[in-house]
Amino acid sequence: MKTLYAIILLAFIGLLYIGCSDELQSPVSYSDQTIQAPGSLHKDIIREFTSTEGPNLLDPGLIVPDPKIVDGKTIFMGIQENTYFNATFPDGGPDLLSGYGVLELNTIIDNSTGAGFTWGKLTVTPTNPAAEGGLWEITWHGNGYVDPSTGMSITPLTWVGHGKGGAVNGMQFRCDDTIYMTNLLDWIGRDGENNFIKEH
């Protein structure tokens, strides 16, 4: 009887040790994150990316409404331009973000310094068929200034948005990068940080 009791006790301790193990298995790739055991709790998938964006010079579609000048500031509302957005995902998963977009830009510029606040919207339609016709609706804003050594406008921006329709429906988007602009047909966005999309 004592021997049987000792065996049961050792088995119980062994199960307790296994059940209380604090070694967590963190996913290391897109495929690891997407594999879920039946009945497991759902987890959001965070996918980091790097990106560049700029004007679509093959089809710029540039529309610049007449500005207003108020109290030494120039105000542009409703500038529109066709753009591209190129993303790279190091996790090896599908690129459901890169594509062509339509940018809406509004800005208030201090005429004495060239600095100003700018904001607007961006709609991106991914070129990857795996996106299944979905698109991204993004808003952005930032404060810009003029580099006195180059005359270039430099504007750190925050972009926040979500996927709508197709395979991107309900996904979230976040990007912090910097726009380097000489004019509306000569600019690039790069040097991003905290860039990710979140899949539910």
N, C-alpha and C. Protein backbone atom coordinates (compact mmCIF):
# COMPACT_ATOMS: atom_id res chain seq x y z
N MET A 1 0.82 -1.20 0.00
CA MET A 1 0.00 0.00 0.00
C MET A 1 0.86 1.26 0.00
N LYS A 2 1.93 1.23 0.84
CA LYS A 2 2.81 2.39 0.87
C LYS A 2 3.47 2.62 -0.48
N THR A 3 3.84 1.51 -1.16
CA THR A 3 4.47 1.64 -2.48
C THR A 3 3.51 2.26 -3.47
N LEU A 4 2.26 1.85 -3.48
CA LEU A 4 1.24 2.40 -4.38
C LEU A 4 1.03 3.88 -4.10
N TYR A 5 0.99 4.23 -2.82
CA TYR A 5 0.81 5.64 -2.44
C TYR A 5 1.97 6.49 -2.95
N ALA A 6 3.20 5.96 -2.83
CA ALA A 6 4.38 6.70 -3.28
C ALA A 6 4.34 6.91 -4.79
N ILE A 7 3.89 5.91 -5.55
CA ILE A 7 3.81 6.04 -7.00
C ILE A 7 2.80 7.10 -7.40
N ILE A 8 1.62 7.08 -6.74
CA ILE A 8 0.59 8.08 -7.03
C ILE A 8 1.09 9.48 -6.71
N LEU A 9 1.80 9.63 -5.58
CA LEU A 9 2.32 10.93 -5.17
C LEU A 9 3.34 11.46 -6.17
N LEU A 10 4.25 10.58 -6.63
CA LEU A 10 5.26 11.00 -7.61
C LEU A 10 4.60 11.40 -8.92
N ALA A 11 3.57 10.67 -9.35
CA ALA A 11 2.87 11.00 -10.58
C ALA A 11 2.20 12.36 -10.48
N PHE A 12 1.59 12.61 -9.30
CA PHE A 12 0.92 13.89 -9.09
C PHE A 12 1.91 15.04 -9.14
N ILE A 13 3.07 14.88 -8.49
CA ILE A 13 4.10 15.93 -8.49
C ILE A 13 4.60 16.17 -9.90
N GLY A 14 4.77 15.10 -10.69
CA GLY A 14 5.23 15.25 -12.06
C GLY A 14 4.25 16.05 -12.90
N LEU A 15 2.95 15.74 -12.75
CA LEU A 15 1.94 16.50 -13.50
C LEU A 15 1.89 17.95 -13.06
N LEU A 16 2.04 18.18 -11.77
CA LEU A 16 2.04 19.55 -11.26
C LEU A 16 3.20 20.34 -11.83
N TYR A 17 4.38 19.73 -11.92
CA TYR A 17 5.55 20.40 -12.47
C TYR A 17 5.34 20.76 -13.93
N ILE A 18 4.81 19.83 -14.71
CA ILE A 18 4.58 20.09 -16.13
C ILE A 18 3.55 21.20 -16.31
N GLY A 19 2.48 21.15 -15.52
CA GLY A 19 1.42 22.13 -15.66
C GLY A 19 1.84 23.52 -15.25
N CYS A 20 2.84 23.66 -14.37
CA CYS A 20 3.26 24.97 -13.90
C CYS A 20 4.51 25.48 -14.58
N SER A 21 4.93 24.82 -15.63
CA SER A 21 6.13 25.29 -16.34
C SER A 21 5.94 26.70 -16.83
N ASP A 22 6.93 27.57 -16.63
CA ASP A 22 6.81 28.97 -17.04
C ASP A 22 7.55 29.26 -18.33
N GLU A 23 7.88 28.24 -19.09
CA GLU A 23 8.57 28.45 -20.36
C GLU A 23 7.52 28.67 -21.45
N LEU A 24 7.39 29.91 -21.91
CA LEU A 24 6.41 30.25 -22.92
C LEU A 24 7.02 30.07 -24.30
N GLN A 25 6.23 29.52 -25.22
CA GLN A 25 6.69 29.34 -26.58
C GLN A 25 6.16 30.49 -27.43
N SER A 26 7.01 31.46 -27.73
CA SER A 26 6.59 32.62 -28.50
C SER A 26 6.74 32.34 -29.99
N PRO A 27 5.73 32.74 -30.80
CA PRO A 27 5.85 32.55 -32.24
C PRO A 27 6.98 33.38 -32.81
N VAL A 28 7.70 32.83 -33.79
CA VAL A 28 8.84 33.53 -34.35
C VAL A 28 8.66 33.86 -35.82
N SER A 29 7.58 33.41 -36.43
CA SER A 29 7.35 33.71 -37.83
C SER A 29 5.87 33.82 -38.09
N TYR A 30 5.54 34.33 -39.28
CA TYR A 30 4.14 34.47 -39.65
C TYR A 30 3.44 33.11 -39.62
N SER A 31 4.10 32.07 -40.14
CA SER A 31 3.47 30.75 -40.18
C SER A 31 3.27 30.21 -38.77
N ASP A 32 4.22 30.47 -37.86
CA ASP A 32 4.07 30.02 -36.48
C ASP A 32 2.86 30.67 -35.83
N GLN A 33 2.65 31.97 -36.12
CA GLN A 33 1.55 32.70 -35.50
C GLN A 33 0.20 32.26 -36.03
N THR A 34 0.16 31.82 -37.28
CA THR A 34 -1.12 31.48 -37.88
C THR A 34 -1.57 30.06 -37.57
N ILE A 35 -0.65 29.20 -37.08
CA ILE A 35 -1.02 27.83 -36.74
C ILE A 35 -1.64 27.82 -35.34
N GLN A 36 -2.89 27.46 -35.25
CA GLN A 36 -3.58 27.44 -33.97
C GLN A 36 -4.16 26.04 -33.76
N ALA A 37 -4.01 25.51 -32.57
CA ALA A 37 -4.61 24.22 -32.26
C ALA A 37 -6.11 24.38 -32.16
N PRO A 38 -6.88 23.34 -32.53
CA PRO A 38 -8.34 23.43 -32.41
C PRO A 38 -8.76 23.77 -30.99
N GLY A 39 -9.65 24.75 -30.88
CA GLY A 39 -10.14 25.13 -29.56
C GLY A 39 -9.22 26.07 -28.81
N SER A 40 -8.07 26.47 -29.39
CA SER A 40 -7.15 27.37 -28.68
C SER A 40 -7.70 28.79 -28.70
N LEU A 41 -7.26 29.60 -27.74
CA LEU A 41 -7.69 30.99 -27.68
C LEU A 41 -7.13 31.75 -28.87
N HIS A 42 -7.96 32.62 -29.47
CA HIS A 42 -7.52 33.39 -30.63
C HIS A 42 -6.54 34.48 -30.19
N LYS A 43 -5.52 34.70 -30.99
CA LYS A 43 -4.54 35.73 -30.70
C LYS A 43 -4.38 36.65 -31.90
N ASP A 44 -4.19 37.96 -31.63
CA ASP A 44 -3.90 38.89 -32.71
C ASP A 44 -2.51 38.58 -33.27
N ILE A 45 -2.35 38.80 -34.56
CA ILE A 45 -1.07 38.59 -35.22
C ILE A 45 -0.50 39.95 -35.58
N ILE A 46 0.65 40.28 -35.03
CA ILE A 46 1.32 41.55 -35.31
C ILE A 46 2.37 41.31 -36.37
N ARG A 47 2.29 42.03 -37.49
CA ARG A 47 3.25 41.86 -38.58
C ARG A 47 3.94 43.20 -38.84
N GLU A 48 5.23 43.26 -38.54
CA GLU A 48 6.00 44.48 -38.76
C GLU A 48 6.40 44.58 -40.24
N PHE A 49 6.61 45.81 -40.69
CA PHE A 49 7.03 46.02 -42.07
C PHE A 49 7.88 47.28 -42.18
N THR A 50 8.62 47.40 -43.26
CA THR A 50 9.27 48.64 -43.64
C THR A 50 8.60 49.11 -44.92
N SER A 51 8.70 50.41 -45.20
CA SER A 51 7.95 50.91 -46.35
C SER A 51 8.57 52.18 -46.92
N THR A 52 8.21 52.45 -48.16
CA THR A 52 8.45 53.74 -48.81
C THR A 52 7.18 54.10 -49.56
N GLU A 53 6.94 55.40 -49.69
CA GLU A 53 5.81 55.85 -50.48
C GLU A 53 6.16 57.16 -51.17
N GLY A 54 5.43 57.45 -52.24
CA GLY A 54 5.71 58.66 -53.00
C GLY A 54 4.69 58.85 -54.09
N PRO A 55 4.87 59.87 -54.94
CA PRO A 55 3.91 60.12 -56.01
C PRO A 55 4.01 59.07 -57.11
N ASN A 56 2.88 58.74 -57.70
CA ASN A 56 2.83 57.84 -58.85
C ASN A 56 3.08 58.69 -60.09
N LEU A 57 4.32 58.76 -60.52
CA LEU A 57 4.69 59.66 -61.61
C LEU A 57 4.13 59.22 -62.95
N LEU A 58 3.75 57.94 -63.08
CA LEU A 58 3.15 57.49 -64.33
C LEU A 58 1.71 57.98 -64.47
N ASP A 59 1.08 58.28 -63.34
CA ASP A 59 -0.29 58.78 -63.35
C ASP A 59 -0.48 59.65 -62.11
N PRO A 60 0.10 60.85 -62.10
CA PRO A 60 0.11 61.65 -60.87
C PRO A 60 -1.28 62.11 -60.41
N GLY A 61 -2.17 62.41 -61.36
CA GLY A 61 -3.52 62.82 -60.98
C GLY A 61 -3.55 63.98 -60.01
N LEU A 62 -2.63 64.90 -60.16
CA LEU A 62 -2.46 65.97 -59.18
C LEU A 62 -3.54 67.04 -59.34
N ILE A 63 -4.21 67.34 -58.24
CA ILE A 63 -5.21 68.41 -58.19
C ILE A 63 -4.84 69.34 -57.04
N VAL A 64 -4.61 70.62 -57.35
CA VAL A 64 -4.21 71.59 -56.32
C VAL A 64 -5.20 72.75 -56.34
N PRO A 65 -6.14 72.79 -55.40
CA PRO A 65 -7.07 73.92 -55.32
C PRO A 65 -6.35 75.22 -54.99
N ASP A 66 -6.96 76.33 -55.31
CA ASP A 66 -6.38 77.62 -54.99
C ASP A 66 -6.23 77.77 -53.47
N PRO A 67 -5.10 78.29 -53.03
CA PRO A 67 -4.90 78.45 -51.59
C PRO A 67 -5.58 79.71 -51.05
N LYS A 68 -5.69 79.74 -49.74
CA LYS A 68 -6.14 80.94 -49.04
C LYS A 68 -4.98 81.45 -48.18
N ILE A 69 -4.86 82.76 -48.10
CA ILE A 69 -3.83 83.35 -47.26
C ILE A 69 -4.51 84.11 -46.13
N VAL A 70 -4.25 83.68 -44.90
CA VAL A 70 -4.90 84.25 -43.73
C VAL A 70 -3.85 84.48 -42.65
N ASP A 71 -3.73 85.72 -42.19
CA ASP A 71 -2.82 86.06 -41.08
C ASP A 71 -1.41 85.54 -41.30
N GLY A 72 -0.88 85.74 -42.49
CA GLY A 72 0.49 85.34 -42.77
C GLY A 72 0.69 83.85 -42.97
N LYS A 73 -0.41 83.13 -43.17
CA LYS A 73 -0.32 81.69 -43.39
C LYS A 73 -1.03 81.32 -44.68
N THR A 74 -0.44 80.36 -45.40
CA THR A 74 -1.05 79.84 -46.62
C THR A 74 -1.75 78.53 -46.29
N ILE A 75 -3.02 78.44 -46.69
CA ILE A 75 -3.84 77.27 -46.36
C ILE A 75 -4.25 76.56 -47.64
N PHE A 76 -3.87 75.31 -47.76
CA PHE A 76 -4.31 74.46 -48.86
C PHE A 76 -5.27 73.41 -48.29
N MET A 77 -6.40 73.24 -48.92
CA MET A 77 -7.36 72.22 -48.52
C MET A 77 -7.75 71.37 -49.72
N GLY A 78 -7.65 70.05 -49.56
CA GLY A 78 -8.14 69.16 -50.59
C GLY A 78 -7.22 68.91 -51.75
N ILE A 79 -5.90 69.04 -51.54
CA ILE A 79 -4.95 68.62 -52.58
C ILE A 79 -5.09 67.10 -52.76
N GLN A 80 -5.11 66.66 -54.01
CA GLN A 80 -5.20 65.22 -54.28
C GLN A 80 -4.07 64.79 -55.20
N GLU A 81 -3.59 63.56 -54.97
CA GLU A 81 -2.48 63.04 -55.76
C GLU A 81 -2.51 61.52 -55.74
N ASN A 82 -2.21 60.91 -56.88
CA ASN A 82 -2.06 59.45 -56.94
C ASN A 82 -0.67 59.07 -56.45
N THR A 83 -0.61 58.02 -55.66
CA THR A 83 0.64 57.64 -55.01
C THR A 83 0.87 56.13 -55.11
N TYR A 84 2.05 55.71 -54.65
CA TYR A 84 2.33 54.29 -54.47
C TYR A 84 2.72 54.07 -53.01
N PHE A 85 2.55 52.84 -52.55
CA PHE A 85 2.98 52.45 -51.20
C PHE A 85 3.63 51.09 -51.31
N ASN A 86 4.93 51.01 -51.03
CA ASN A 86 5.68 49.76 -51.11
C ASN A 86 6.05 49.29 -49.71
N ALA A 87 5.59 48.10 -49.35
CA ALA A 87 5.89 47.54 -48.04
C ALA A 87 6.71 46.26 -48.18
N THR A 88 7.55 46.00 -47.20
CA THR A 88 8.33 44.77 -47.14
C THR A 88 8.09 44.13 -45.78
N PHE A 89 7.66 42.87 -45.79
CA PHE A 89 7.39 42.13 -44.56
C PHE A 89 8.50 41.10 -44.34
N PRO A 90 9.31 41.28 -43.31
CA PRO A 90 10.42 40.33 -43.08
C PRO A 90 9.97 38.96 -42.58
N ASP A 91 8.69 38.82 -42.21
CA ASP A 91 8.25 37.53 -41.66
C ASP A 91 7.97 36.48 -42.73
N GLY A 92 8.04 36.87 -44.01
CA GLY A 92 7.82 35.91 -45.07
C GLY A 92 6.37 35.67 -45.42
N GLY A 93 5.45 36.35 -44.74
CA GLY A 93 4.03 36.19 -45.03
C GLY A 93 3.62 37.02 -46.24
N PRO A 94 2.36 36.91 -46.66
CA PRO A 94 1.90 37.63 -47.85
C PRO A 94 1.87 39.13 -47.63
N ASP A 95 2.21 39.87 -48.69
CA ASP A 95 2.15 41.33 -48.66
C ASP A 95 0.74 41.75 -49.08
N LEU A 96 -0.06 42.13 -48.10
CA LEU A 96 -1.43 42.56 -48.36
C LEU A 96 -1.56 44.08 -48.26
N LEU A 97 -0.43 44.79 -48.41
CA LEU A 97 -0.41 46.23 -48.19
C LEU A 97 0.07 47.03 -49.40
N SER A 98 1.11 46.57 -50.06
CA SER A 98 1.69 47.35 -51.16
C SER A 98 0.67 47.55 -52.29
N GLY A 99 0.66 48.76 -52.83
CA GLY A 99 -0.26 49.04 -53.92
C GLY A 99 -0.27 50.51 -54.27
N TYR A 100 -1.25 50.89 -55.08
CA TYR A 100 -1.41 52.28 -55.49
C TYR A 100 -2.49 52.94 -54.65
N GLY A 101 -2.32 54.23 -54.42
CA GLY A 101 -3.25 54.93 -53.54
C GLY A 101 -3.65 56.30 -54.06
N VAL A 102 -4.62 56.86 -53.37
CA VAL A 102 -5.05 58.24 -53.61
C VAL A 102 -4.85 59.00 -52.30
N LEU A 103 -4.04 60.04 -52.37
CA LEU A 103 -3.68 60.84 -51.19
C LEU A 103 -4.47 62.14 -51.19
N GLU A 104 -5.04 62.47 -50.04
CA GLU A 104 -5.66 63.78 -49.83
C GLU A 104 -4.82 64.55 -48.82
N LEU A 105 -4.45 65.76 -49.16
CA LEU A 105 -3.51 66.53 -48.35
C LEU A 105 -4.08 67.90 -48.03
N ASN A 106 -3.98 68.28 -46.77
CA ASN A 106 -4.35 69.61 -46.30
C ASN A 106 -3.17 70.16 -45.50
N THR A 107 -2.92 71.44 -45.63
CA THR A 107 -1.78 71.99 -44.90
C THR A 107 -1.96 73.47 -44.60
N ILE A 108 -1.39 73.89 -43.48
CA ILE A 108 -1.35 75.30 -43.09
C ILE A 108 0.11 75.66 -42.91
N ILE A 109 0.61 76.57 -43.75
CA ILE A 109 2.04 76.88 -43.79
C ILE A 109 2.29 78.30 -43.32
N ASP A 110 3.22 78.45 -42.40
CA ASP A 110 3.66 79.78 -41.96
C ASP A 110 4.52 80.39 -43.05
N ASN A 111 4.09 81.50 -43.62
CA ASN A 111 4.81 82.10 -44.75
C ASN A 111 6.20 82.60 -44.39
N SER A 112 6.44 82.89 -43.13
CA SER A 112 7.75 83.43 -42.74
C SER A 112 8.78 82.34 -42.50
N THR A 113 8.35 81.15 -42.12
CA THR A 113 9.30 80.08 -41.78
C THR A 113 9.19 78.86 -42.69
N GLY A 114 8.04 78.68 -43.35
CA GLY A 114 7.81 77.49 -44.15
C GLY A 114 7.36 76.29 -43.34
N ALA A 115 7.32 76.45 -42.01
CA ALA A 115 6.86 75.35 -41.16
C ALA A 115 5.34 75.30 -41.16
N GLY A 116 4.79 74.13 -40.84
CA GLY A 116 3.34 74.05 -40.79
C GLY A 116 2.82 72.69 -40.39
N PHE A 117 1.52 72.66 -40.17
CA PHE A 117 0.83 71.43 -39.83
C PHE A 117 0.16 70.88 -41.09
N THR A 118 0.27 69.56 -41.27
CA THR A 118 -0.33 68.93 -42.44
C THR A 118 -1.07 67.67 -42.02
N TRP A 119 -2.16 67.37 -42.73
CA TRP A 119 -2.97 66.20 -42.38
C TRP A 119 -3.77 65.77 -43.60
N GLY A 120 -4.34 64.58 -43.52
CA GLY A 120 -5.13 64.12 -44.64
C GLY A 120 -5.49 62.65 -44.57
N LYS A 121 -5.80 62.09 -45.75
CA LYS A 121 -6.22 60.69 -45.86
C LYS A 121 -5.45 60.01 -46.98
N LEU A 122 -5.37 58.69 -46.88
CA LEU A 122 -4.76 57.89 -47.93
C LEU A 122 -5.56 56.60 -48.08
N THR A 123 -5.95 56.31 -49.30
CA THR A 123 -6.61 55.03 -49.61
C THR A 123 -5.67 54.23 -50.49
N VAL A 124 -5.31 53.03 -50.04
CA VAL A 124 -4.39 52.16 -50.78
C VAL A 124 -5.12 50.89 -51.20
N THR A 125 -5.02 50.57 -52.49
CA THR A 125 -5.57 49.31 -53.01
C THR A 125 -4.41 48.36 -53.28
N PRO A 126 -4.27 47.28 -52.49
CA PRO A 126 -3.16 46.34 -52.69
C PRO A 126 -3.19 45.71 -54.08
N THR A 127 -2.00 45.49 -54.64
CA THR A 127 -1.92 44.84 -55.95
C THR A 127 -1.89 43.32 -55.85
N ASN A 128 -1.65 42.79 -54.66
CA ASN A 128 -1.61 41.34 -54.47
C ASN A 128 -3.02 40.77 -54.57
N PRO A 129 -3.26 39.81 -55.49
CA PRO A 129 -4.59 39.21 -55.59
C PRO A 129 -5.07 38.57 -54.29
N ALA A 130 -4.12 38.21 -53.41
CA ALA A 130 -4.49 37.59 -52.14
C ALA A 130 -5.27 38.55 -51.24
N ALA A 131 -5.22 39.84 -51.54
CA ALA A 131 -6.00 40.82 -50.77
C ALA A 131 -7.49 40.73 -51.09
N GLU A 132 -7.83 40.04 -52.17
CA GLU A 132 -9.22 39.76 -52.54
C GLU A 132 -10.07 41.01 -52.69
N GLY A 133 -9.47 42.05 -53.24
CA GLY A 133 -10.23 43.26 -53.51
C GLY A 133 -10.37 44.21 -52.34
N GLY A 134 -9.76 43.90 -51.20
CA GLY A 134 -9.82 44.80 -50.05
C GLY A 134 -8.95 46.02 -50.25
N LEU A 135 -9.14 47.02 -49.41
CA LEU A 135 -8.33 48.23 -49.47
C LEU A 135 -8.07 48.74 -48.06
N TRP A 136 -7.14 49.69 -48.00
CA TRP A 136 -6.76 50.31 -46.72
C TRP A 136 -7.23 51.75 -46.69
N GLU A 137 -7.88 52.15 -45.60
CA GLU A 137 -8.29 53.53 -45.38
C GLU A 137 -7.47 54.08 -44.22
N ILE A 138 -6.67 55.10 -44.52
CA ILE A 138 -5.65 55.58 -43.59
C ILE A 138 -5.78 57.09 -43.40
N THR A 139 -5.62 57.56 -42.19
CA THR A 139 -5.51 58.99 -41.90
C THR A 139 -4.11 59.28 -41.40
N TRP A 140 -3.64 60.50 -41.57
CA TRP A 140 -2.28 60.84 -41.18
C TRP A 140 -2.20 62.31 -40.79
N HIS A 141 -1.14 62.65 -40.05
CA HIS A 141 -0.92 64.05 -39.65
C HIS A 141 0.53 64.22 -39.19
N GLY A 142 0.98 65.46 -39.18
CA GLY A 142 2.32 65.75 -38.70
C GLY A 142 2.67 67.23 -38.83
N ASN A 143 3.73 67.62 -38.16
CA ASN A 143 4.24 68.99 -38.22
C ASN A 143 5.53 69.01 -39.03
N GLY A 144 5.58 69.87 -40.04
CA GLY A 144 6.74 69.93 -40.91
C GLY A 144 7.56 71.20 -40.71
N TYR A 145 8.77 71.15 -41.24
CA TYR A 145 9.67 72.31 -41.19
C TYR A 145 10.54 72.29 -42.44
N VAL A 146 11.21 73.38 -42.70
CA VAL A 146 12.09 73.49 -43.86
C VAL A 146 13.54 73.40 -43.40
N ASP A 147 14.29 72.49 -44.03
CA ASP A 147 15.72 72.36 -43.75
C ASP A 147 16.42 73.56 -44.40
N PRO A 148 17.01 74.46 -43.62
CA PRO A 148 17.61 75.66 -44.20
C PRO A 148 18.80 75.37 -45.12
N SER A 149 19.44 74.23 -44.94
CA SER A 149 20.61 73.93 -45.77
C SER A 149 20.23 73.42 -47.16
N THR A 150 19.03 72.81 -47.28
CA THR A 150 18.62 72.24 -48.57
C THR A 150 17.35 72.85 -49.14
N GLY A 151 16.60 73.54 -48.29
CA GLY A 151 15.31 74.07 -48.73
C GLY A 151 14.23 73.01 -48.82
N MET A 152 14.55 71.79 -48.38
CA MET A 152 13.60 70.68 -48.45
C MET A 152 12.65 70.71 -47.27
N SER A 153 11.38 70.41 -47.52
CA SER A 153 10.40 70.28 -46.45
C SER A 153 10.50 68.89 -45.84
N ILE A 154 10.60 68.82 -44.53
CA ILE A 154 10.73 67.55 -43.80
C ILE A 154 9.59 67.45 -42.80
N THR A 155 8.80 66.37 -42.91
CA THR A 155 7.61 66.24 -42.08
C THR A 155 7.50 64.84 -41.50
N PRO A 156 7.78 64.67 -40.21
CA PRO A 156 7.50 63.38 -39.56
C PRO A 156 5.99 63.18 -39.46
N LEU A 157 5.52 62.00 -39.87
CA LEU A 157 4.09 61.73 -39.89
C LEU A 157 3.73 60.49 -39.09
N THR A 158 2.51 60.49 -38.59
CA THR A 158 1.88 59.31 -38.00
C THR A 158 0.70 58.92 -38.88
N TRP A 159 0.69 57.63 -39.31
CA TRP A 159 -0.37 57.10 -40.15
C TRP A 159 -1.12 56.02 -39.36
N VAL A 160 -2.44 56.09 -39.35
CA VAL A 160 -3.26 55.10 -38.66
C VAL A 160 -4.45 54.75 -39.55
N GLY A 161 -4.74 53.46 -39.67
CA GLY A 161 -5.86 53.09 -40.52
C GLY A 161 -6.34 51.67 -40.30
N HIS A 162 -7.20 51.23 -41.21
CA HIS A 162 -7.77 49.89 -41.10
C HIS A 162 -8.07 49.34 -42.49
N GLY A 163 -8.15 48.02 -42.56
CA GLY A 163 -8.51 47.37 -43.81
C GLY A 163 -10.01 47.30 -43.96
N LYS A 164 -10.46 47.37 -45.21
CA LYS A 164 -11.89 47.33 -45.50
C LYS A 164 -12.14 46.39 -46.66
N GLY A 165 -12.89 45.34 -46.42
CA GLY A 165 -13.25 44.40 -47.47
C GLY A 165 -12.17 43.38 -47.75
N GLY A 166 -12.54 42.33 -48.46
CA GLY A 166 -11.59 41.31 -48.88
C GLY A 166 -10.85 40.67 -47.72
N ALA A 167 -9.61 40.28 -47.99
CA ALA A 167 -8.80 39.59 -46.99
C ALA A 167 -8.25 40.51 -45.91
N VAL A 168 -8.33 41.84 -46.11
CA VAL A 168 -7.78 42.77 -45.12
C VAL A 168 -8.86 43.36 -44.22
N ASN A 169 -10.08 42.94 -44.38
CA ASN A 169 -11.19 43.52 -43.64
C ASN A 169 -10.96 43.41 -42.12
N GLY A 170 -11.04 44.54 -41.44
CA GLY A 170 -10.88 44.56 -39.99
C GLY A 170 -9.45 44.63 -39.49
N MET A 171 -8.47 44.49 -40.38
CA MET A 171 -7.07 44.61 -39.95
C MET A 171 -6.76 46.06 -39.57
N GLN A 172 -5.77 46.24 -38.71
CA GLN A 172 -5.34 47.58 -38.29
C GLN A 172 -3.97 47.90 -38.86
N PHE A 173 -3.74 49.20 -39.07
CA PHE A 173 -2.50 49.68 -39.70
C PHE A 173 -1.92 50.80 -38.86
N ARG A 174 -0.59 50.78 -38.72
CA ARG A 174 0.11 51.86 -38.01
C ARG A 174 1.47 52.07 -38.65
N CYS A 175 1.85 53.33 -38.85
CA CYS A 175 3.15 53.65 -39.45
C CYS A 175 3.59 55.03 -38.99
N ASP A 176 4.83 55.14 -38.57
CA ASP A 176 5.46 56.43 -38.29
C ASP A 176 6.64 56.57 -39.23
N ASP A 177 6.60 57.56 -40.12
CA ASP A 177 7.74 57.77 -41.00
C ASP A 177 7.94 59.26 -41.25
N THR A 178 8.82 59.59 -42.15
CA THR A 178 9.15 60.99 -42.43
C THR A 178 9.05 61.25 -43.93
N ILE A 179 8.40 62.35 -44.28
CA ILE A 179 8.28 62.76 -45.67
C ILE A 179 9.35 63.80 -45.98
N TYR A 180 10.11 63.53 -47.04
CA TYR A 180 11.12 64.48 -47.52
C TYR A 180 10.60 65.02 -48.87
N MET A 181 10.29 66.33 -48.93
CA MET A 181 9.60 66.87 -50.10
C MET A 181 10.30 68.10 -50.66
N THR A 182 10.54 68.05 -51.98
CA THR A 182 10.99 69.24 -52.70
C THR A 182 9.79 69.96 -53.31
N ASN A 183 8.88 69.17 -53.90
CA ASN A 183 7.60 69.69 -54.39
C ASN A 183 6.62 68.53 -54.42
N LEU A 184 5.39 68.78 -54.89
CA LEU A 184 4.35 67.76 -54.82
C LEU A 184 4.59 66.58 -55.75
N LEU A 185 5.52 66.72 -56.70
CA LEU A 185 5.86 65.61 -57.58
C LEU A 185 7.26 65.07 -57.31
N ASP A 186 7.87 65.54 -56.24
CA ASP A 186 9.22 65.10 -55.88
C ASP A 186 9.30 64.96 -54.36
N TRP A 187 8.84 63.81 -53.88
CA TRP A 187 8.90 63.54 -52.43
C TRP A 187 8.93 62.04 -52.20
N ILE A 188 9.36 61.68 -51.01
CA ILE A 188 9.40 60.26 -50.63
C ILE A 188 9.18 60.15 -49.12
N GLY A 189 8.46 59.11 -48.72
CA GLY A 189 8.29 58.80 -47.32
C GLY A 189 9.12 57.57 -46.97
N ARG A 190 9.91 57.66 -45.91
CA ARG A 190 10.76 56.53 -45.50
C ARG A 190 11.18 56.71 -44.05
N ASP A 191 12.18 55.93 -43.62
CA ASP A 191 12.71 56.00 -42.26
C ASP A 191 11.63 55.71 -41.22
N GLY A 192 10.80 54.71 -41.51
CA GLY A 192 9.68 54.41 -40.62
C GLY A 192 10.08 53.69 -39.34
N GLU A 193 9.28 53.88 -38.31
CA GLU A 193 9.40 53.18 -37.04
C GLU A 193 7.99 52.79 -36.57
N ASN A 194 7.92 51.76 -35.74
CA ASN A 194 6.63 51.31 -35.21
C ASN A 194 5.64 50.97 -36.32
N ASN A 195 6.14 50.39 -37.40
CA ASN A 195 5.28 50.07 -38.53
C ASN A 195 4.76 48.64 -38.39
N PHE A 196 3.44 48.48 -38.42
CA PHE A 196 2.88 47.13 -38.33
C PHE A 196 1.44 47.12 -38.82
N ILE A 197 1.00 45.93 -39.23
CA ILE A 197 -0.42 45.69 -39.37
C ILE A 197 -0.79 44.61 -38.37
N LYS A 198 -2.02 44.66 -37.88
CA LYS A 198 -2.50 43.70 -36.89
C LYS A 198 -3.66 42.93 -37.50
N GLU A 199 -3.51 41.62 -37.52
CA GLU A 199 -4.57 40.74 -38.01
C GLU A 199 -5.30 40.14 -36.83
N HIS A 200 -6.61 40.12 -36.90
CA HIS A 200 -7.42 39.55 -35.81
C HIS A 200 -7.67 38.08 -36.05
